[in-house]
Amino acid sequence: MLYDERKRLVITLKLRRMIAGGRLFNYSNYSNQMSAEDYAKKVVEGKLHDPVLSFEIANGFRFIKVLSDYLDDVRSLNYASFIEWLNLNR
């Protein structure tokens, strides 16, 4: 799995962390009900499922904040999550 290989590389290089951005895949389905920040918070709390952010959380990443204008994307309305994985082996 790509995430595992990335983690191994971080460990091998003795880096402190890996940071990434991932689009808020289903945010467009909820945008008339809540902000992107509230959507991400509900996903992190397990109250909503987002195929990307939920997968990242399940793979040990920590949500930091929402990024706006991350990419030109209709489904996420250009929003993404800013996430990090800490190398505890360092």
N, C-alpha and C. Protein backbone atom coordinates (compact mmCIF):
# COMPACT_ATOMS: atom_id res chain seq x y z
N MET A 1 0.85 -1.18 0.00
CA MET A 1 0.00 0.00 0.00
C MET A 1 0.90 1.25 0.00
N LEU A 2 0.49 2.22 -0.76
CA LEU A 2 1.30 3.42 -0.93
C LEU A 2 1.53 4.16 0.39
N TYR A 3 0.51 4.24 1.22
CA TYR A 3 0.68 4.94 2.50
C TYR A 3 1.75 4.26 3.36
N ASP A 4 1.74 2.93 3.37
CA ASP A 4 2.73 2.20 4.17
C ASP A 4 4.14 2.44 3.64
N GLU A 5 4.29 2.48 2.33
CA GLU A 5 5.61 2.75 1.75
C GLU A 5 6.09 4.16 2.09
N ARG A 6 5.18 5.10 2.07
CA ARG A 6 5.53 6.49 2.45
C ARG A 6 5.99 6.53 3.91
N LYS A 7 5.26 5.84 4.77
CA LYS A 7 5.63 5.80 6.19
C LYS A 7 7.00 5.17 6.38
N ARG A 8 7.26 4.07 5.66
CA ARG A 8 8.57 3.42 5.74
C ARG A 8 9.68 4.38 5.31
N LEU A 9 9.43 5.15 4.26
CA LEU A 9 10.42 6.11 3.78
C LEU A 9 10.70 7.19 4.84
N VAL A 10 9.65 7.68 5.48
CA VAL A 10 9.80 8.67 6.54
C VAL A 10 10.64 8.09 7.68
N ILE A 11 10.36 6.85 8.04
CA ILE A 11 11.11 6.20 9.11
C ILE A 11 12.56 6.00 8.69
N THR A 12 12.77 5.49 7.49
CA THR A 12 14.14 5.24 7.00
C THR A 12 14.97 6.51 6.95
N LEU A 13 14.36 7.60 6.51
CA LEU A 13 15.07 8.88 6.42
C LEU A 13 15.13 9.62 7.75
N LYS A 14 14.52 9.02 8.78
CA LYS A 14 14.48 9.60 10.12
C LYS A 14 13.89 11.01 10.12
N LEU A 15 12.82 11.15 9.33
CA LEU A 15 12.10 12.42 9.29
C LEU A 15 11.13 12.49 10.46
N ARG A 16 10.80 13.69 10.85
CA ARG A 16 9.91 13.90 11.99
C ARG A 16 8.46 13.56 11.66
N ARG A 17 8.04 13.89 10.44
CA ARG A 17 6.64 13.70 10.08
C ARG A 17 6.46 13.71 8.57
N MET A 18 5.28 13.32 8.17
CA MET A 18 4.84 13.44 6.79
C MET A 18 3.59 14.31 6.80
N ILE A 19 3.56 15.30 5.94
CA ILE A 19 2.37 16.14 5.83
C ILE A 19 1.79 15.96 4.43
N ALA A 20 0.48 16.17 4.34
CA ALA A 20 -0.19 15.97 3.05
C ALA A 20 -1.49 16.76 3.03
N GLY A 21 -2.04 16.86 1.86
CA GLY A 21 -3.36 17.43 1.67
C GLY A 21 -4.21 16.42 0.93
N GLY A 22 -5.46 16.34 1.32
CA GLY A 22 -6.38 15.42 0.65
C GLY A 22 -7.72 16.08 0.46
N ARG A 23 -8.24 15.98 -0.75
CA ARG A 23 -9.51 16.68 -1.01
C ARG A 23 -10.63 16.15 -0.13
N LEU A 24 -11.52 17.05 0.23
CA LEU A 24 -12.71 16.68 1.01
C LEU A 24 -13.75 16.17 0.01
N PHE A 25 -13.62 14.92 -0.36
CA PHE A 25 -14.26 14.31 -1.51
C PHE A 25 -15.77 14.55 -1.60
N ASN A 26 -16.48 14.37 -0.51
CA ASN A 26 -17.95 14.50 -0.55
C ASN A 26 -18.47 15.82 0.00
N TYR A 27 -17.62 16.80 0.18
CA TYR A 27 -18.08 18.05 0.79
C TYR A 27 -19.21 18.70 -0.01
N SER A 28 -19.21 18.59 -1.32
CA SER A 28 -20.26 19.24 -2.12
C SER A 28 -21.65 18.74 -1.75
N ASN A 29 -21.76 17.52 -1.23
CA ASN A 29 -23.06 16.99 -0.80
C ASN A 29 -23.58 17.65 0.48
N TYR A 30 -22.70 18.34 1.20
CA TYR A 30 -23.06 18.92 2.51
C TYR A 30 -22.87 20.44 2.57
N SER A 31 -22.38 21.03 1.49
CA SER A 31 -21.99 22.44 1.53
C SER A 31 -23.15 23.39 1.83
N ASN A 32 -24.38 22.98 1.52
CA ASN A 32 -25.52 23.84 1.84
C ASN A 32 -25.96 23.68 3.29
N GLN A 33 -25.36 22.74 4.00
CA GLN A 33 -25.72 22.48 5.40
C GLN A 33 -24.67 22.93 6.40
N MET A 34 -23.39 22.99 5.96
CA MET A 34 -22.32 23.29 6.92
C MET A 34 -21.08 23.78 6.19
N SER A 35 -20.20 24.42 6.93
CA SER A 35 -18.92 24.88 6.37
C SER A 35 -18.00 23.68 6.15
N ALA A 36 -16.96 23.89 5.38
CA ALA A 36 -15.96 22.83 5.16
C ALA A 36 -15.30 22.43 6.47
N GLU A 37 -15.08 23.40 7.35
CA GLU A 37 -14.48 23.11 8.65
C GLU A 37 -15.39 22.21 9.48
N ASP A 38 -16.68 22.52 9.49
CA ASP A 38 -17.62 21.69 10.25
C ASP A 38 -17.73 20.29 9.65
N TYR A 39 -17.71 20.21 8.32
CA TYR A 39 -17.74 18.92 7.63
C TYR A 39 -16.54 18.07 8.06
N ALA A 40 -15.35 18.64 7.99
CA ALA A 40 -14.14 17.91 8.35
C ALA A 40 -14.20 17.47 9.81
N LYS A 41 -14.68 18.36 10.68
CA LYS A 41 -14.77 18.02 12.10
C LYS A 41 -15.70 16.83 12.31
N LYS A 42 -16.82 16.80 11.61
CA LYS A 42 -17.76 15.68 11.74
C LYS A 42 -17.16 14.38 11.21
N VAL A 43 -16.37 14.49 10.16
CA VAL A 43 -15.70 13.30 9.64
C VAL A 43 -14.70 12.78 10.66
N VAL A 44 -13.90 13.67 11.22
CA VAL A 44 -12.90 13.28 12.23
C VAL A 44 -13.58 12.65 13.44
N GLU A 45 -14.73 13.19 13.83
CA GLU A 45 -15.48 12.65 14.98
C GLU A 45 -16.19 11.34 14.65
N GLY A 46 -16.21 10.96 13.38
CA GLY A 46 -16.90 9.73 12.97
C GLY A 46 -18.38 9.90 12.73
N LYS A 47 -18.87 11.13 12.71
CA LYS A 47 -20.29 11.40 12.50
C LYS A 47 -20.65 11.40 11.02
N LEU A 48 -19.68 11.63 10.16
CA LEU A 48 -19.84 11.56 8.70
C LEU A 48 -18.69 10.72 8.15
N HIS A 49 -18.92 10.15 6.97
CA HIS A 49 -17.86 9.39 6.29
C HIS A 49 -17.47 10.12 5.01
N ASP A 50 -16.19 10.35 4.86
CA ASP A 50 -15.64 10.90 3.63
C ASP A 50 -14.59 9.90 3.14
N PRO A 51 -14.69 9.42 1.90
CA PRO A 51 -13.78 8.37 1.45
C PRO A 51 -12.30 8.71 1.59
N VAL A 52 -11.95 9.96 1.45
CA VAL A 52 -10.54 10.34 1.53
C VAL A 52 -10.13 10.61 2.98
N LEU A 53 -10.77 11.55 3.65
CA LEU A 53 -10.37 11.91 5.01
C LEU A 53 -10.56 10.75 5.98
N SER A 54 -11.64 10.01 5.87
CA SER A 54 -11.84 8.87 6.76
C SER A 54 -10.73 7.84 6.57
N PHE A 55 -10.32 7.61 5.33
CA PHE A 55 -9.22 6.69 5.04
C PHE A 55 -7.92 7.18 5.64
N GLU A 56 -7.66 8.47 5.51
CA GLU A 56 -6.43 9.04 6.06
C GLU A 56 -6.40 8.93 7.59
N ILE A 57 -7.50 9.22 8.23
CA ILE A 57 -7.59 9.11 9.69
C ILE A 57 -7.37 7.65 10.11
N ALA A 58 -7.98 6.72 9.39
CA ALA A 58 -7.82 5.30 9.70
C ALA A 58 -6.38 4.83 9.50
N ASN A 59 -5.61 5.56 8.71
CA ASN A 59 -4.21 5.21 8.46
C ASN A 59 -3.25 6.00 9.34
N GLY A 60 -3.75 6.54 10.43
CA GLY A 60 -2.88 7.15 11.43
C GLY A 60 -2.56 8.62 11.23
N PHE A 61 -3.19 9.25 10.26
CA PHE A 61 -2.96 10.68 10.06
C PHE A 61 -3.83 11.49 11.00
N ARG A 62 -3.34 12.65 11.36
CA ARG A 62 -4.06 13.57 12.23
C ARG A 62 -4.50 14.76 11.39
N PHE A 63 -5.78 15.11 11.51
CA PHE A 63 -6.31 16.28 10.81
C PHE A 63 -5.81 17.53 11.50
N ILE A 64 -5.31 18.49 10.73
CA ILE A 64 -4.83 19.75 11.29
C ILE A 64 -5.80 20.88 10.99
N LYS A 65 -6.12 21.07 9.71
CA LYS A 65 -7.05 22.14 9.35
C LYS A 65 -7.53 21.94 7.93
N VAL A 66 -8.48 22.78 7.53
CA VAL A 66 -9.01 22.78 6.17
C VAL A 66 -8.22 23.78 5.33
N LEU A 67 -7.91 23.37 4.11
CA LEU A 67 -7.25 24.25 3.14
C LEU A 67 -8.26 24.64 2.07
N SER A 68 -8.38 25.91 1.78
CA SER A 68 -9.27 26.36 0.71
C SER A 68 -8.46 26.55 -0.56
N ASP A 69 -9.13 26.50 -1.69
CA ASP A 69 -8.48 26.66 -3.00
C ASP A 69 -7.29 25.73 -3.17
N TYR A 70 -7.41 24.51 -2.69
CA TYR A 70 -6.33 23.54 -2.77
C TYR A 70 -6.14 23.02 -4.20
N LEU A 71 -7.26 22.77 -4.86
CA LEU A 71 -7.23 22.32 -6.25
C LEU A 71 -8.57 22.63 -6.89
N ASP A 72 -8.62 22.59 -8.18
CA ASP A 72 -9.86 22.85 -8.91
C ASP A 72 -10.65 21.55 -8.99
N ASP A 73 -11.65 21.43 -8.11
CA ASP A 73 -12.36 20.17 -7.98
C ASP A 73 -13.82 20.41 -7.61
N VAL A 74 -14.72 19.89 -8.40
CA VAL A 74 -16.15 20.10 -8.18
C VAL A 74 -16.65 19.39 -6.93
N ARG A 75 -16.23 18.16 -6.70
CA ARG A 75 -16.74 17.38 -5.56
C ARG A 75 -16.36 18.00 -4.22
N SER A 76 -15.13 18.48 -4.11
CA SER A 76 -14.66 19.04 -2.83
C SER A 76 -14.89 20.54 -2.75
N LEU A 77 -15.36 21.14 -3.82
CA LEU A 77 -15.50 22.60 -3.92
C LEU A 77 -14.17 23.29 -3.63
N ASN A 78 -13.10 22.63 -4.03
CA ASN A 78 -11.71 23.12 -3.91
C ASN A 78 -11.14 23.05 -2.49
N TYR A 79 -11.85 22.40 -1.57
CA TYR A 79 -11.38 22.27 -0.19
C TYR A 79 -10.61 20.96 0.00
N ALA A 80 -9.64 21.00 0.90
CA ALA A 80 -8.87 19.81 1.24
C ALA A 80 -8.55 19.82 2.72
N SER A 81 -8.17 18.66 3.20
CA SER A 81 -7.71 18.56 4.59
C SER A 81 -6.19 18.64 4.58
N PHE A 82 -5.65 19.30 5.57
CA PHE A 82 -4.20 19.34 5.81
C PHE A 82 -3.97 18.35 6.94
N ILE A 83 -3.17 17.33 6.67
CA ILE A 83 -2.99 16.23 7.63
C ILE A 83 -1.52 15.97 7.86
N GLU A 84 -1.24 15.27 8.98
CA GLU A 84 0.14 14.88 9.26
C GLU A 84 0.16 13.50 9.88
N TRP A 85 1.26 12.81 9.64
CA TRP A 85 1.57 11.55 10.28
C TRP A 85 2.90 11.73 10.98
N LEU A 86 2.93 11.48 12.29
CA LEU A 86 4.16 11.65 13.06
C LEU A 86 4.96 10.37 13.10
N ASN A 87 6.26 10.50 12.92
CA ASN A 87 7.18 9.37 13.00
C ASN A 87 7.55 9.17 14.46
N LEU A 88 6.95 8.21 15.11
CA LEU A 88 7.20 7.94 16.53
C LEU A 88 8.49 7.13 16.72
N ASN A 89 9.10 6.70 15.61
CA ASN A 89 10.34 5.93 15.67
C ASN A 89 11.58 6.82 15.66
N ARG A 90 11.39 8.09 15.59
CA ARG A 90 12.52 9.02 15.47
C ARG A 90 13.15 9.30 16.80
